[in-house]
Structures are given as structure tokens and as C-alpha cells.
């Protein structure tokens, strides 16, 4: 794994910030409408904190519950906004609720029901995004696009869960048109959901785009960009190691 020094991280953050601004300019969007989320899987706390210190609105995301539990207690106060962005197993809900401000990866009714029950037990509320598998890949989690509206309707019945938008992981491909099609599919789903005017459901957020495809995502309307490798360096394991957990 090629770890980046603090000076490297500062440089990389500046590069990413400029890429976001340039993409927003091309898309005629206000850069303030796009938030950068630090995808901090495998990254140690000192380097995470250095990157967060360079952000106006610190936001980080973790893929694995174990890392979430290990890192969050060590972060300086005040805590950054923390999102859970990996596949959430239902038996790990309790741990995630302890630290996350938002869960971006709710993708099935059974998970939503168990989340609701735990929130009731703890007398809490939780913001979520519904994860959609816009690339139709078996290796990725997320509700199928044609089932997304039905899932949103079901989750909207749970009073402790607040839907704020959608999340997707675009196709890992050098074919930009295929990648763009994934993001366009998510935008289309958002429009369909908005047209239903479901009580309590917001579609303000589109979390899509990472280090390699953030420009395309911004052009298509992303409001949250998840970036890790381009800031912290290459990781020891492939992305599939972090995304593809047991389906429970």
C-alpha cells in the first residue's frame, strides 16, 4: 500500500478540490452544491484528521463497521460528519448507530425494518440514502433500479428513518458512456420518486462518483462525491474487498 504523507495529502486535496470546481464550472453548477466525502477505509486516524482539517465541512465515510468503531473514538472533537457507506449487515446496526450520522447503503426492506426497530429501542432517528445497483452487477449491492421506488415507499412508513436521497457505485469501466449511463439512471430514479411526492421522503442528495469518475458524476448532478484513493493513495486490496461482504 502506498501511503501518502501529510504534504502529499494536502496536495491531493487541492487537486481534488480543483477537479470538483472545474467540473462544476463545466456543468454550470455552484461548487457549494457538491460535497467531498473522504472515503477513509484502511487510512489511519492522523492522516484522516489532517485531510479533514483541510475541509470547510468535514465529511468522512467508512465501509466497514470494525474500522468505524476503531477510528471514531480517536477523532478529535468536534467530530466530523460521519457516513457509513459500505454494505450493512443487519447484525451490525447497533454499532453503526453509535457513530454514523447517515447510512448511505440501505438497500432492502429487511434491513430497514431492523434499523427502525433498533432506532425505536434507542429512541433515535437516522438519515439514510437508498443504495441502487445502477450497473446491474452481481458483485455490487443495492436495490435494482426498477425496484427502487417500491423500496422507498416501504421505508417511508418507518418514522425513525429519514430518506434524504440515493447512492450508487458506478460501473468500474474506462468506457465513460457506460459510467455516465449509471449516473443518469440514478437521476431518472430520483425524478420518478420525486414525482410521487411521498410524505417524509427527500431526494436532495445523490451520492455518486469516486476518484476516477467524479467529473462525470458532477455533470450528471451528484451532490456527494466519495474520494479515497486520489487523496490517501492506493490501497493494498481491490475495491471488491471492501464492497463485497456477506449478504445478511
Protein backbone atom coordinates (compact mmCIF):
# COMPACT_ATOMS: atom_id res chain seq x y z
CA UNK A 1 0.00 0.00 0.00
CA UNK A 2 1.38 3.39 -0.99
CA UNK A 3 0.66 5.72 1.92
CA UNK A 4 0.61 9.45 1.33
CA UNK A 5 2.41 11.86 3.66
CA UNK A 6 0.65 14.90 5.12
CA UNK A 7 2.17 17.11 2.44
CA UNK A 8 1.02 14.66 -0.23
CA UNK A 9 -2.48 14.66 1.23
CA UNK A 10 -2.62 18.45 1.22
CA UNK A 11 -1.52 18.49 -2.42
CA UNK A 12 -4.01 15.78 -3.35
CA UNK A 13 -6.83 17.59 -1.57
CA UNK A 14 -6.05 20.73 -3.56
CA UNK A 15 -6.08 18.73 -6.80
CA UNK A 16 -9.43 17.10 -5.99
CA UNK A 17 -10.94 20.43 -4.93
CA UNK A 18 -9.83 21.93 -8.23
CA UNK A 19 -11.25 18.99 -10.17
CA UNK A 20 -14.59 19.48 -8.45
CA UNK A 21 -14.57 23.21 -9.21
CA UNK A 22 -13.65 22.63 -12.84
CA UNK A 23 -16.36 20.01 -13.25
CA UNK A 24 -18.92 22.31 -11.65
CA UNK A 25 -17.86 25.13 -13.94
CA UNK A 26 -18.29 22.90 -16.99
CA UNK A 27 -21.72 21.79 -15.75
CA UNK A 28 -22.66 25.38 -14.82
CA UNK A 29 -23.14 24.36 -11.19
CA UNK A 30 -22.24 26.13 -7.95
CA UNK A 31 -19.30 24.22 -6.36
CA UNK A 32 -21.01 24.67 -3.00
CA UNK A 33 -23.68 22.20 -4.15
CA UNK A 34 -21.15 19.34 -4.21
CA UNK A 35 -19.69 17.91 -1.01
CA UNK A 36 -16.48 15.93 -0.84
CA UNK A 37 -16.66 12.82 1.33
CA UNK A 38 -13.34 11.29 2.41
CA UNK A 39 -13.56 7.55 1.84
CA UNK A 40 -11.20 6.64 4.65
CA UNK A 41 -11.10 2.85 4.54
CA UNK A 42 -7.70 1.49 5.75
CA UNK A 43 -6.44 5.03 6.47
CA UNK A 44 -5.06 5.75 9.95
CA UNK A 45 -6.56 8.44 12.16
CA UNK A 46 -3.71 11.01 11.95
CA UNK A 47 -3.91 11.14 8.16
CA UNK A 48 -7.71 11.23 8.22
CA UNK A 49 -7.64 14.12 10.67
CA UNK A 50 -5.13 16.01 8.54
CA UNK A 51 -7.36 15.69 5.49
CA UNK A 52 -10.44 16.69 7.49
CA UNK A 53 -8.64 19.78 8.78
CA UNK A 54 -8.35 20.99 5.18
CA UNK A 55 -12.12 20.87 4.63
CA UNK A 56 -14.68 23.60 5.27
CA UNK A 57 -17.34 21.00 6.08
CA UNK A 58 -15.52 17.85 7.24
CA UNK A 59 -17.20 14.70 6.00
CA UNK A 60 -15.86 11.15 6.06
CA UNK A 61 -17.23 7.75 5.18
CA UNK A 62 -16.31 4.25 6.33
CA UNK A 63 -17.05 0.98 4.57
CA UNK A 64 -16.50 -1.43 7.42
CA UNK A 65 -18.05 -1.44 10.86
CA UNK A 66 -14.83 -2.56 12.53
CA UNK A 67 -12.93 0.45 11.19
CA UNK A 68 -15.80 2.76 12.13
CA UNK A 69 -15.62 1.55 15.72
CA UNK A 70 -11.84 1.75 15.87
CA UNK A 71 -11.41 5.22 14.40
CA UNK A 72 -14.33 7.35 15.53
CA UNK A 73 -13.50 7.35 19.25
CA UNK A 74 -10.00 8.58 18.41
CA UNK A 75 -11.05 11.52 16.24
CA UNK A 76 -10.56 14.97 17.69
CA UNK A 77 -13.54 16.97 18.87
CA UNK A 78 -15.72 18.22 17.39
CA UNK A 79 -16.35 15.11 15.34
CA UNK A 80 -16.71 15.41 11.58
CA UNK A 81 -19.93 14.31 9.94
CA UNK A 82 -19.64 10.54 9.52
CA UNK A 83 -21.44 8.43 6.92
CA UNK A 84 -21.47 4.66 6.71
CA UNK A 85 -21.02 3.82 3.02
CA UNK A 86 -20.40 0.05 2.99
CA UNK A 87 -22.74 -2.91 2.93
CA UNK A 88 -24.51 -3.01 6.29
CA UNK A 89 -25.19 -6.41 7.79
CA UNK A 90 -28.25 -6.35 10.00
CA UNK A 91 -26.34 -7.68 12.99
CA UNK A 92 -24.05 -4.63 12.89
CA UNK A 93 -26.78 -1.97 13.10
CA UNK A 94 -26.19 -1.25 16.78
CA UNK A 95 -22.50 -0.43 16.21
CA UNK A 96 -23.19 1.80 13.23
CA UNK A 97 -25.85 3.81 15.08
CA UNK A 98 -23.28 4.64 17.72
CA UNK A 99 -21.13 6.60 15.29
CA UNK A 100 -22.84 7.34 11.96
CA UNK A 101 -24.81 10.48 11.11
CA UNK A 102 -26.09 8.92 7.90
CA UNK A 103 -26.22 5.43 6.39
CA UNK A 104 -25.78 5.60 2.62
CA UNK A 105 -26.28 1.92 1.92
CA UNK A 106 -29.82 0.90 2.86
CA UNK A 107 -30.88 -1.46 0.10
CA UNK A 108 -33.51 -3.92 1.36
CA UNK A 109 -36.74 -3.91 3.37
CA UNK A 110 -35.45 -6.36 5.98
CA UNK A 111 -32.56 -4.06 6.86
CA UNK A 112 -34.86 -1.04 7.09
CA UNK A 113 -37.23 -2.89 9.43
CA UNK A 114 -34.42 -3.94 11.76
CA UNK A 115 -32.99 -0.44 11.63
CA UNK A 116 -36.37 1.01 12.58
CA UNK A 117 -36.71 -1.40 15.50
CA UNK A 118 -33.27 -0.53 16.83
CA UNK A 119 -33.92 3.20 16.46
CA UNK A 120 -37.16 2.80 18.41
CA UNK A 121 -35.32 0.89 21.13
CA UNK A 122 -32.64 3.61 21.40
CA UNK A 123 -35.13 6.46 20.84
CA UNK A 124 -33.09 7.79 17.92
CA UNK A 125 -33.58 8.92 14.33
CA UNK A 126 -31.31 8.25 11.35
CA UNK A 127 -30.81 9.86 7.95
CA UNK A 128 -30.27 7.40 5.13
CA UNK A 129 -29.70 7.16 1.41
CA UNK A 130 -31.13 4.26 -0.57
CA UNK A 131 -28.41 2.39 -2.45
CA UNK A 132 -29.25 1.46 -6.04
CA UNK A 133 -27.31 -1.04 -8.16
CA UNK A 134 -27.38 1.06 -11.33
CA UNK A 135 -24.81 -1.13 -13.10
CA UNK A 136 -26.77 -4.37 -12.52
CA UNK A 137 -23.58 -6.11 -11.42
CA UNK A 138 -23.87 -9.20 -9.22
CA UNK A 139 -20.72 -8.13 -7.37
CA UNK A 140 -22.36 -4.95 -6.09
CA UNK A 141 -25.04 -4.34 -3.52
CA UNK A 142 -28.05 -2.11 -3.94
CA UNK A 143 -31.68 -2.44 -4.91
CA UNK A 144 -32.39 -3.00 -8.60
CA UNK A 145 -33.35 0.26 -10.34
CA UNK A 146 -36.85 -0.96 -11.19
CA UNK A 147 -37.45 -1.85 -7.53
CA UNK A 148 -36.12 1.38 -6.02
CA UNK A 149 -39.43 3.25 -5.90
CA UNK A 150 -41.15 0.37 -4.14
CA UNK A 151 -38.35 0.16 -1.58
CA UNK A 152 -38.54 3.90 -0.90
CA UNK A 153 -42.29 3.62 -0.33
CA UNK A 154 -41.79 0.79 2.15
CA UNK A 155 -39.05 2.59 4.06
CA UNK A 156 -41.09 5.80 4.18
CA UNK A 157 -43.50 4.01 6.51
CA UNK A 158 -40.82 3.86 9.21
CA UNK A 159 -40.98 7.06 11.26
CA UNK A 160 -37.44 6.84 12.64
CA UNK A 161 -35.77 6.57 9.23
CA UNK A 162 -35.43 9.71 7.12
CA UNK A 163 -34.70 9.22 3.42
CA UNK A 164 -32.53 12.04 2.10
CA UNK A 165 -31.66 10.74 -1.35
CA UNK A 166 -29.93 7.98 -3.30
CA UNK A 167 -26.49 6.42 -3.58
CA UNK A 168 -24.85 4.32 -6.26
CA UNK A 169 -21.47 2.89 -7.17
CA UNK A 170 -20.94 3.46 -10.87
CA UNK A 171 -19.55 0.87 -13.23
CA UNK A 172 -15.77 0.47 -12.90
CA UNK A 173 -15.03 0.99 -16.59
CA UNK A 174 -12.91 3.07 -18.93
CA UNK A 175 -15.98 3.47 -21.11
CA UNK A 176 -17.27 6.86 -19.99
CA UNK A 177 -20.61 6.43 -21.72
CA UNK A 178 -21.34 3.28 -19.71
CA UNK A 179 -20.31 5.00 -16.48
CA UNK A 180 -22.45 8.02 -17.31
CA UNK A 181 -25.44 5.77 -18.00
CA UNK A 182 -25.29 4.52 -14.39
CA UNK A 183 -25.44 8.05 -13.03
CA UNK A 184 -28.19 9.05 -15.44
CA UNK A 185 -30.16 6.02 -14.28
CA UNK A 186 -29.92 7.23 -10.68
CA UNK A 187 -31.10 10.72 -11.68
CA UNK A 188 -34.05 9.18 -13.51
CA UNK A 189 -34.97 7.18 -10.41
CA UNK A 190 -34.81 10.31 -8.29
CA UNK A 191 -37.15 12.09 -10.69
CA UNK A 192 -39.58 9.17 -10.56
CA UNK A 193 -39.56 9.19 -6.74
CA UNK A 194 -39.97 12.96 -6.58
CA UNK A 195 -42.99 12.76 -8.87
CA UNK A 196 -44.71 10.50 -6.33
CA UNK A 197 -44.48 13.17 -3.60
CA UNK A 198 -44.11 10.54 -0.87
CA UNK A 199 -44.62 12.12 2.58
CA UNK A 200 -41.38 12.50 4.52
CA UNK A 201 -39.14 11.49 1.61
CA UNK A 202 -36.48 13.91 0.36
CA UNK A 203 -34.35 13.49 -2.74
CA UNK A 204 -31.85 16.24 -2.01
CA UNK A 205 -28.77 14.01 -2.14
CA UNK A 206 -27.20 12.00 -4.94
CA UNK A 207 -24.09 10.25 -3.67
CA UNK A 208 -22.28 9.07 -6.78
CA UNK A 209 -18.83 9.37 -8.26
CA UNK A 210 -15.40 8.49 -6.91
CA UNK A 211 -11.77 9.23 -7.69
CA UNK A 212 -11.92 8.06 -11.30
CA UNK A 213 -15.32 9.32 -12.40
CA UNK A 214 -16.18 12.33 -10.26
CA UNK A 215 -16.34 14.72 -13.23
CA UNK A 216 -18.98 12.61 -14.95
CA UNK A 217 -20.94 12.30 -11.71
CA UNK A 218 -20.92 16.05 -11.15
CA UNK A 219 -22.05 16.70 -14.71
CA UNK A 220 -25.00 14.38 -14.05
CA UNK A 221 -25.97 16.01 -10.76
CA UNK A 222 -24.02 14.43 -7.90
CA UNK A 223 -24.20 16.24 -4.57
CA UNK A 224 -21.74 13.97 -2.70
CA UNK A 225 -18.50 12.70 -4.21
CA UNK A 226 -16.75 9.83 -2.39
CA UNK A 227 -12.97 10.08 -2.81
CA UNK A 228 -10.31 7.97 -1.14
CA UNK A 229 -7.54 6.70 -3.39
CA UNK A 230 -6.86 10.05 -5.08
CA UNK A 231 -6.28 11.61 -1.66
CA UNK A 232 -4.76 8.87 0.51
CA UNK A 233 -3.04 6.70 -2.09
CA UNK A 234 -3.54 3.21 -3.49
CA UNK A 235 -4.79 0.54 -1.11
CA UNK A 236 -3.47 -2.94 -0.54
CA UNK A 237 -6.72 -4.65 -1.53
CA UNK A 238 -9.05 -4.18 -4.53
CA UNK A 239 -12.34 -2.34 -4.09
CA UNK A 240 -14.21 -5.66 -4.15
CA UNK A 241 -12.63 -6.48 -0.79
CA UNK A 242 -14.40 -3.54 0.81
CA UNK A 243 -17.74 -3.66 -1.00
CA UNK A 244 -18.49 -7.36 -1.28
CA UNK A 245 -19.43 -8.53 2.22
CA UNK A 246 -21.79 -11.30 3.20
CA UNK A 247 -25.39 -10.59 2.28
CA UNK A 248 -27.31 -10.63 5.57
